[in-house]
Amino acid sequence: MNNTNKIDLVVIYGGRSGEHEVSLLSSRSVLDAINKDRYNITEVGITHDGQWLSGENTWEALNSGNTHHLVPVTLLPVPGSDTLFAISGTSGSKELKPLAHIDVVLPILHGTYGEDGTLQGLLEMADLAYVGAGVLGSSVGMDKGIFKDVMRAHDIPVPNWVVASKKDIQTNMDAVIDRGELVSRYPLFVKPANLGSSVGVTKCKNRSDLFEGLLDAVRFDRRVLVEQGINAREIEVSVLGNDQAIASLPGEICPRLEFYSYRAKYIEDSTELLIPAPLDEKTIKHIQTLAIRAYQAIDCAGMARVDFLMDRDSGEVYINELNTIPGFTSISMYPKLWENSGIPYPELIDRLIDLALERRQSMDGIERSYGEMHG
């Protein structure tokens, strides 16, 4: 930590993902709300093609695409450096120069190469504290198919599903559709396995829709889910904590479009958010318990938003998915639910950073070598 007693915080956003723009919206809200008296903030923007950049007005430059004045930066996967480096020099001769000290990293990267464990692996190699789930929790939470496998292993209810590969879809589409139609009656949902924000999601009412939905989803991922459609209320819960996690009051999403699509989430202002959700106390407790069980089952840490489907006909509650880096925009459910549960936005950011530092401290106590002297 620097001599001002402020925490040296690196905020990373953008990324090589279909959710790049969502990440920019989330990071803008965080940067506007964060307590500047507590942190020295260095911003790192990752472009669509994966270049890490920093400098004056990083967010505005990345948002506009006018990044010529920013400098390339990098982290070394070496424990103990705690440094963000600027890259200088010509293509033939590169030089690393220390740019900023790092106490903790706040990744606000949704989707691939940010929420899926890849960035978390780099930060683990560098032995840096960072906000959010580790490699395992991130990767399992990201892959909707694997996540559902783990939920079913823990007797946590999820909608029926099958997974199809890109190769299967490209070479044997009829067989994929036949398997998908065995999941349940229409409607069915098609989703990329490793993407969020409802990117590439299609509600399919017939075989023709399923054909088109599979073609759309496979543009974004090499693994695609075909999932049971449920006439459902959409309920969301925010979870906060490491080993001892707590769940917020649930909220309900009432989209005026057919489902909570990317357009409904980020473009149109027609979706109604009911916070708290109009549910009885018993159902609230049940949903909160399932959310924490799911969180712990995949070894999540820091934060997550757990999304539920509540069958309008039977009242049955299913977990739909778990987002390890949920949206943080001004209209996002994760911060809104905590605000309603008594934790305002700036305090929520503080808590997340404290949890990251606490988790790193607990990891520091783990022995990394074994020999006869320990036997």
Protein backbone atom coordinates (compact mmCIF):
# COMPACT_ATOMS: atom_id res chain seq x y z
CA MET A 1 0.00 0.00 0.00
CA ASN A 2 1.19 3.52 -0.77
CA ASN A 3 2.12 6.13 1.82
CA THR A 4 -1.28 7.85 1.61
CA ASN A 5 -2.88 4.76 3.22
CA LYS A 6 -5.19 4.50 0.26
CA ILE A 7 -5.73 1.09 -1.34
CA ASP A 8 -4.13 0.79 -4.78
CA LEU A 9 -6.99 -0.52 -6.90
CA VAL A 10 -6.83 -1.59 -10.55
CA VAL A 11 -10.23 -1.64 -12.27
CA ILE A 12 -10.36 -3.74 -15.45
CA TYR A 13 -13.22 -3.52 -17.95
CA GLY A 14 -14.12 -3.97 -21.63
CA GLY A 15 -12.82 -7.30 -22.85
CA ARG A 16 -12.90 -9.77 -25.74
CA SER A 17 -16.54 -10.67 -25.30
CA GLY A 18 -19.96 -10.14 -26.77
CA GLU A 19 -20.65 -8.36 -23.48
CA HIS A 20 -17.94 -5.71 -23.99
CA GLU A 21 -20.45 -2.86 -24.07
CA VAL A 22 -22.26 -4.14 -20.98
CA SER A 23 -18.92 -4.18 -19.17
CA LEU A 24 -18.40 -0.53 -20.07
CA LEU A 25 -21.84 0.36 -18.68
CA SER A 26 -21.13 -1.53 -15.45
CA SER A 27 -17.68 -0.04 -14.98
CA ARG A 28 -18.96 3.50 -15.56
CA SER A 29 -21.42 3.07 -12.69
CA VAL A 30 -18.73 1.62 -10.41
CA LEU A 31 -16.22 4.37 -11.20
CA ASP A 32 -18.85 7.04 -10.56
CA ALA A 33 -19.90 5.55 -7.20
CA ILE A 34 -16.62 4.36 -5.70
CA ASN A 35 -15.15 6.15 -2.68
CA LYS A 36 -12.20 8.10 -4.14
CA ASP A 37 -10.94 8.91 -0.63
CA ARG A 38 -10.27 5.22 0.02
CA TYR A 39 -8.69 4.14 -3.27
CA ASN A 40 -6.00 5.15 -5.75
CA ILE A 41 -7.66 3.96 -8.93
CA THR A 42 -5.86 2.86 -12.09
CA GLU A 43 -8.15 1.96 -14.97
CA VAL A 44 -7.32 -0.74 -17.52
CA GLY A 45 -9.51 -1.03 -20.60
CA ILE A 46 -9.37 -4.17 -22.71
CA THR A 47 -10.28 -3.68 -26.36
CA HIS A 48 -12.44 -6.01 -28.44
CA ASP A 49 -9.28 -7.61 -29.82
CA GLY A 50 -7.76 -8.11 -26.36
CA GLN A 51 -5.26 -5.25 -26.03
CA TRP A 52 -4.82 -3.95 -22.47
CA LEU A 53 -4.64 -0.13 -22.38
CA SER A 54 -4.38 2.55 -19.71
CA GLY A 55 -3.92 6.30 -19.49
CA GLU A 56 -5.84 9.52 -19.20
CA ASN A 57 -9.62 9.14 -19.60
CA THR A 58 -9.29 5.43 -20.30
CA TRP A 59 -13.03 4.74 -20.14
CA GLU A 60 -13.98 7.55 -22.51
CA ALA A 61 -11.26 6.48 -24.96
CA LEU A 62 -12.35 2.85 -24.95
CA ASN A 63 -16.01 3.77 -25.26
CA SER A 64 -15.36 6.05 -28.24
CA GLY A 65 -12.74 3.80 -29.87
CA ASN A 66 -10.29 6.72 -29.90
CA THR A 67 -7.49 5.01 -27.95
CA HIS A 68 -4.39 6.33 -29.73
CA HIS A 69 -3.13 8.23 -26.64
CA LEU A 70 -3.42 5.23 -24.28
CA VAL A 71 -0.43 3.03 -23.47
CA PRO A 72 -0.36 -0.77 -23.65
CA VAL A 73 -0.08 -2.38 -20.21
CA THR A 74 0.34 -5.86 -18.79
CA LEU A 75 0.59 -7.97 -15.65
CA LEU A 76 3.31 -10.55 -15.13
CA PRO A 77 2.22 -13.98 -13.85
CA VAL A 78 4.95 -13.81 -11.20
CA PRO A 79 4.19 -13.66 -7.46
CA GLY A 80 5.48 -10.61 -5.62
CA SER A 81 5.66 -8.00 -8.35
CA ASP A 82 2.29 -6.40 -7.44
CA THR A 83 2.82 -4.09 -10.39
CA LEU A 84 0.99 -3.02 -13.50
CA PHE A 85 3.57 -2.44 -16.24
CA ALA A 86 3.45 -0.08 -19.21
CA ILE A 87 4.84 -1.55 -22.43
CA SER A 88 7.06 0.78 -24.42
CA GLY A 89 9.42 0.47 -27.37
CA THR A 90 9.17 -0.65 -30.96
CA SER A 91 7.80 -3.97 -32.14
CA GLY A 92 11.32 -5.39 -32.21
CA SER A 93 12.33 -4.24 -28.73
CA LYS A 94 9.83 -4.01 -25.90
CA GLU A 95 10.48 -2.59 -22.46
CA LEU A 96 8.38 -2.88 -19.31
CA LYS A 97 8.13 0.13 -17.03
CA PRO A 98 6.27 0.11 -13.68
CA LEU A 99 3.03 2.09 -14.03
CA ALA A 100 1.08 1.38 -10.85
CA HIS A 101 1.33 -0.63 -7.65
CA ILE A 102 -1.51 -3.12 -7.09
CA ASP A 103 -3.16 -4.01 -3.78
CA VAL A 104 -6.30 -5.46 -5.32
CA VAL A 105 -7.90 -5.90 -8.74
CA LEU A 106 -11.58 -5.28 -9.50
CA PRO A 107 -12.52 -7.09 -12.73
CA ILE A 108 -15.74 -5.80 -14.26
CA LEU A 109 -15.57 -8.09 -17.26
CA HIS A 110 -18.69 -9.96 -18.27
CA GLY A 111 -18.50 -13.09 -20.40
CA THR A 112 -15.54 -14.86 -21.96
CA TYR A 113 -11.94 -13.92 -21.06
CA GLY A 114 -13.08 -12.17 -17.90
CA GLU A 115 -15.83 -14.03 -16.09
CA ASP A 116 -14.86 -17.57 -17.10
CA GLY A 117 -11.73 -18.15 -14.99
CA THR A 118 -9.13 -17.12 -17.58
CA LEU A 119 -8.36 -13.72 -16.08
CA GLN A 120 -8.70 -15.20 -12.60
CA GLY A 121 -5.98 -17.73 -13.48
CA LEU A 122 -3.62 -14.92 -14.45
CA LEU A 123 -4.34 -13.06 -11.21
CA GLU A 124 -3.78 -16.26 -9.20
CA MET A 125 -0.43 -16.80 -10.94
CA ALA A 126 0.51 -13.22 -10.03
CA ASP A 127 -0.64 -13.84 -6.43
CA LEU A 128 -2.88 -10.76 -6.52
CA ALA A 129 -6.02 -10.11 -4.52
CA TYR A 130 -9.05 -9.72 -6.77
CA VAL A 131 -12.79 -9.29 -6.40
CA GLY A 132 -15.02 -12.24 -7.16
CA ALA A 133 -14.88 -15.98 -7.63
CA GLY A 134 -11.69 -17.92 -8.25
CA VAL A 135 -10.83 -20.04 -11.27
CA LEU A 136 -13.13 -22.93 -10.39
CA GLY A 137 -16.18 -20.92 -9.35
CA SER A 138 -15.80 -18.62 -12.35
CA SER A 139 -15.49 -21.40 -14.93
CA VAL A 140 -18.31 -23.54 -13.52
CA GLY A 141 -20.59 -20.54 -13.10
CA MET A 142 -19.85 -19.47 -16.66
CA ASP A 143 -20.66 -22.76 -18.40
CA LYS A 144 -24.41 -23.23 -18.12
CA GLY A 145 -24.22 -26.95 -18.94
CA ILE A 146 -21.55 -27.81 -16.37
CA PHE A 147 -23.28 -25.57 -13.82
CA LYS A 148 -26.52 -27.52 -14.22
CA ASP A 149 -24.62 -30.79 -13.84
CA VAL A 150 -23.25 -29.57 -10.49
CA MET A 151 -26.66 -28.31 -9.37
CA ARG A 152 -28.28 -31.66 -10.14
CA ALA A 153 -25.48 -33.45 -8.23
CA HIS A 154 -26.42 -31.30 -5.20
CA ASP A 155 -30.18 -31.94 -5.59
CA ILE A 156 -30.80 -28.32 -6.53
CA PRO A 157 -33.66 -28.11 -9.07
CA VAL A 158 -32.84 -26.87 -12.59
CA PRO A 159 -34.85 -26.96 -15.86
CA ASN A 160 -34.19 -29.96 -18.13
CA TRP A 161 -31.56 -29.42 -20.82
CA VAL A 162 -29.20 -30.96 -23.37
CA VAL A 163 -25.89 -29.62 -24.66
CA ALA A 164 -24.92 -29.66 -28.34
CA SER A 165 -21.49 -28.94 -29.81
CA LYS A 166 -20.79 -26.57 -32.68
CA LYS A 167 -19.59 -29.51 -34.76
CA ASP A 168 -22.84 -31.41 -34.16
CA ILE A 169 -24.91 -28.38 -35.14
CA GLN A 170 -22.87 -27.85 -38.30
CA THR A 171 -22.79 -31.49 -39.39
CA ASN A 172 -25.94 -33.13 -38.01
CA MET A 173 -28.52 -30.45 -37.31
CA ASP A 174 -31.53 -32.78 -37.58
CA ALA A 175 -30.17 -35.05 -34.85
CA VAL A 176 -29.49 -32.04 -32.59
CA ILE A 177 -33.04 -30.79 -33.11
CA ASP A 178 -34.45 -34.27 -32.41
CA ARG A 179 -32.50 -34.42 -29.12
CA GLY A 180 -33.62 -30.92 -28.24
CA GLU A 181 -37.27 -31.80 -28.79
CA LEU A 182 -36.93 -34.63 -26.25
CA VAL A 183 -36.10 -32.09 -23.51
CA SER A 184 -39.71 -30.93 -23.19
CA ARG A 185 -42.61 -29.60 -25.21
CA TYR A 186 -42.20 -26.24 -26.91
CA PRO A 187 -41.37 -23.54 -26.08
CA LEU A 188 -37.68 -24.33 -25.73
CA PHE A 189 -34.83 -21.90 -25.10
CA VAL A 190 -31.52 -22.02 -26.94
CA LYS A 191 -28.49 -20.43 -25.25
CA PRO A 192 -24.73 -20.24 -25.77
CA ALA A 193 -23.23 -22.19 -22.87
CA ASN A 194 -20.64 -19.55 -22.03
CA LEU A 195 -22.21 -16.15 -22.44
CA GLY A 196 -24.44 -13.93 -20.34
CA SER A 197 -26.63 -10.83 -20.69
CA SER A 198 -29.03 -12.96 -22.81
CA VAL A 199 -26.69 -12.61 -25.81
CA GLY A 200 -27.57 -15.27 -28.41
CA VAL A 201 -30.64 -16.50 -26.49
CA THR A 202 -33.73 -17.48 -28.51
CA LYS A 203 -37.20 -18.55 -27.39
CA CYS A 204 -38.27 -21.30 -29.79
CA LYS A 205 -41.96 -22.14 -30.37
CA ASN A 206 -41.45 -24.73 -33.10
CA ARG A 207 -38.86 -26.76 -35.02
CA SER A 208 -38.12 -23.92 -37.41
CA ASP A 209 -37.41 -21.55 -34.49
CA LEU A 210 -35.13 -24.18 -32.94
CA PHE A 211 -33.17 -24.46 -36.21
CA GLU A 212 -32.69 -20.68 -36.36
CA GLY A 213 -31.94 -20.41 -32.64
CA LEU A 214 -29.18 -23.03 -32.83
CA LEU A 215 -27.59 -21.23 -35.79
CA ASP A 216 -27.68 -17.95 -33.86
CA ALA A 217 -26.32 -19.33 -30.58
CA VAL A 218 -23.44 -21.18 -32.22
CA ARG A 219 -22.14 -17.84 -33.52
CA PHE A 220 -21.17 -17.03 -29.92
CA ASP A 221 -19.95 -20.35 -28.50
CA ARG A 222 -18.84 -23.86 -29.41
CA ARG A 223 -21.28 -25.36 -26.86
CA VAL A 224 -25.00 -24.62 -26.95
CA LEU A 225 -27.86 -25.48 -24.56
CA VAL A 226 -31.36 -26.46 -25.54
CA GLU A 227 -33.43 -25.92 -22.42
CA GLN A 228 -36.95 -26.55 -21.19
CA GLY A 229 -39.17 -23.51 -21.47
CA ILE A 230 -41.12 -22.74 -18.30
CA ASN A 231 -44.06 -20.40 -17.91
CA ALA A 232 -42.18 -18.67 -15.16
CA ARG A 233 -41.81 -15.64 -12.99
CA GLU A 234 -38.18 -14.50 -13.14
CA ILE A 235 -36.73 -14.03 -9.65
CA GLU A 236 -33.19 -12.89 -8.84
CA VAL A 237 -31.17 -12.90 -5.62
CA SER A 238 -27.81 -11.25 -4.88
CA VAL A 239 -25.24 -13.16 -2.83
CA LEU A 240 -22.31 -11.56 -0.98
CA GLY A 241 -19.47 -13.17 0.96
CA ASN A 242 -16.73 -15.78 0.92
CA ASP A 243 -17.20 -18.89 3.06
CA GLN A 244 -19.98 -17.22 5.06
CA ALA A 245 -22.26 -15.85 2.34
CA ILE A 246 -25.48 -13.90 2.77
CA ALA A 247 -28.39 -13.50 0.34
CA SER A 248 -30.35 -10.34 -0.39
CA LEU A 249 -34.09 -10.04 -0.58
CA PRO A 250 -35.23 -11.38 -3.96
CA GLY A 251 -36.39 -9.17 -6.81
CA GLU A 252 -38.68 -9.97 -9.70
CA ILE A 253 -38.20 -9.05 -13.35
CA CYS A 254 -41.33 -8.34 -15.37
CA PRO A 255 -40.21 -7.86 -18.99
CA ARG A 256 -42.77 -6.47 -21.41
CA LEU A 257 -40.94 -8.31 -24.17
CA GLU A 258 -41.36 -12.11 -24.33
CA PHE A 259 -38.41 -12.73 -22.05
CA TYR A 260 -35.59 -10.81 -20.36
CA SER A 261 -33.53 -10.38 -23.51
CA TYR A 262 -30.38 -8.30 -24.09
CA ARG A 263 -32.62 -5.59 -25.54
CA ALA A 264 -34.88 -5.66 -22.48
CA LYS A 265 -31.88 -5.51 -20.13
CA TYR A 266 -29.81 -2.75 -21.68
CA ILE A 267 -31.59 -0.96 -24.53
CA GLU A 268 -35.30 -0.64 -23.81
CA ASP A 269 -36.58 0.95 -20.64
CA SER A 270 -39.76 -1.13 -20.56
CA THR A 271 -38.84 -3.86 -18.07
CA GLU A 272 -40.39 -3.50 -14.63
CA LEU A 273 -38.28 -4.48 -11.62
CA LEU A 274 -40.17 -5.38 -8.46
CA ILE A 275 -37.88 -4.97 -5.43
CA PRO A 276 -38.54 -6.79 -3.23
CA ALA A 277 -40.40 -9.46 -5.16
CA PRO A 278 -44.01 -10.02 -4.03
CA LEU A 279 -43.42 -13.44 -2.42
CA ASP A 280 -44.45 -14.97 0.89
CA GLU A 281 -41.86 -15.33 3.65
CA LYS A 282 -41.54 -19.11 3.23
CA THR A 283 -40.77 -18.80 -0.50
CA ILE A 284 -38.27 -15.99 0.13
CA LYS A 285 -36.38 -18.14 2.64
CA HIS A 286 -36.44 -21.12 0.26
CA ILE A 287 -35.03 -19.06 -2.62
CA GLN A 288 -32.34 -17.47 -0.42
CA THR A 289 -31.31 -20.92 0.86
CA LEU A 290 -31.08 -22.34 -2.68
CA ALA A 291 -29.03 -19.31 -3.79
CA ILE A 292 -26.45 -19.81 -1.01
CA ARG A 293 -26.36 -23.59 -1.61
CA ALA A 294 -25.65 -23.02 -5.31
CA TYR A 295 -23.01 -20.39 -4.46
CA GLN A 296 -21.21 -22.75 -2.10
CA ALA A 297 -21.57 -25.76 -4.40
CA ILE A 298 -19.34 -24.17 -7.05
CA ASP A 299 -16.95 -22.59 -4.51
CA CYS A 300 -18.00 -19.06 -5.38
CA ALA A 301 -16.51 -16.05 -3.59
CA GLY A 302 -17.13 -12.33 -3.30
CA MET A 303 -20.36 -11.97 -5.19
CA ALA A 304 -22.90 -13.57 -7.48
CA ARG A 305 -26.39 -12.99 -8.77
CA VAL A 306 -28.48 -16.16 -8.78
CA ASP A 307 -31.38 -16.25 -11.25
CA PHE A 308 -34.48 -18.35 -10.60
CA LEU A 309 -37.51 -19.44 -12.58
CA MET A 310 -40.70 -19.88 -10.56
CA ASP A 311 -43.33 -21.94 -12.40
CA ARG A 312 -46.54 -19.91 -12.53
CA ASP A 313 -48.65 -23.06 -12.58
CA SER A 314 -47.00 -25.33 -9.97
CA GLY A 315 -45.07 -22.78 -7.88
CA GLU A 316 -41.94 -24.93 -8.31
CA VAL A 317 -38.66 -22.98 -8.07
CA TYR A 318 -35.70 -23.74 -10.38
CA ILE A 319 -32.25 -22.20 -10.55
CA ASN A 320 -31.66 -20.87 -14.04
CA GLU A 321 -28.06 -19.67 -13.75
CA LEU A 322 -25.47 -18.03 -11.51
CA ASN A 323 -23.51 -14.95 -12.60
CA THR A 324 -20.15 -14.53 -10.86
CA ILE A 325 -19.65 -10.98 -12.22
CA PRO A 326 -23.20 -9.64 -12.40
CA GLY A 327 -24.16 -6.40 -14.07
CA PHE A 328 -23.32 -3.25 -12.10
CA THR A 329 -25.11 -0.67 -14.21
CA SER A 330 -27.39 1.90 -12.62
CA ILE A 331 -30.39 -0.34 -13.40
CA SER A 332 -28.75 -3.71 -12.63
CA MET A 333 -30.40 -6.02 -10.13
CA TYR A 334 -27.26 -6.97 -8.15
CA PRO A 335 -26.62 -3.52 -6.59
CA LYS A 336 -30.32 -2.64 -6.52
CA LEU A 337 -31.17 -5.72 -4.45
CA TRP A 338 -28.43 -4.96 -1.94
CA GLU A 339 -29.51 -1.34 -1.75
CA ASN A 340 -33.01 -2.54 -0.88
CA SER A 341 -31.50 -4.96 1.65
CA GLY A 342 -29.63 -2.16 3.42
CA ILE A 343 -26.24 -1.94 1.67
CA PRO A 344 -25.86 1.21 -0.50
CA TYR A 345 -23.82 1.04 -3.74
CA PRO A 346 -20.53 2.65 -2.46
CA GLU A 347 -20.56 0.46 0.65
CA LEU A 348 -21.20 -2.62 -1.51
CA ILE A 349 -18.04 -1.87 -3.52
CA ASP A 350 -16.07 -1.46 -0.27
CA ARG A 351 -17.36 -4.78 1.03
CA LEU A 352 -16.41 -6.58 -2.17
CA ILE A 353 -12.87 -5.21 -2.05
CA ASP A 354 -12.57 -6.13 1.63
CA LEU A 355 -13.72 -9.67 0.79
CA ALA A 356 -11.06 -9.89 -1.94
CA LEU A 357 -8.32 -8.85 0.48
CA GLU A 358 -9.64 -11.26 3.13
CA ARG A 359 -9.65 -14.15 0.66
CA ARG A 360 -6.09 -13.45 -0.47
CA GLN A 361 -4.97 -13.33 3.16
CA SER A 362 -6.55 -16.73 3.82
CA MET A 363 -4.85 -18.15 0.71
CA ASP A 364 -1.48 -16.88 1.94
CA GLY A 365 -1.66 -19.34 4.83
CA ILE A 366 -1.76 -22.38 2.51
CA GLU A 367 1.47 -24.39 2.28
CA ARG A 368 2.85 -24.64 -1.26
CA SER A 369 5.46 -27.36 -0.69
CA TYR A 370 5.54 -30.83 0.82
CA GLY A 371 8.42 -33.01 1.86
CA GLU A 372 9.67 -35.43 4.48
CA MET A 373 9.95 -32.62 7.03
CA HIS A 374 6.14 -32.35 6.96
CA GLY A 375 5.53 -36.08 7.32
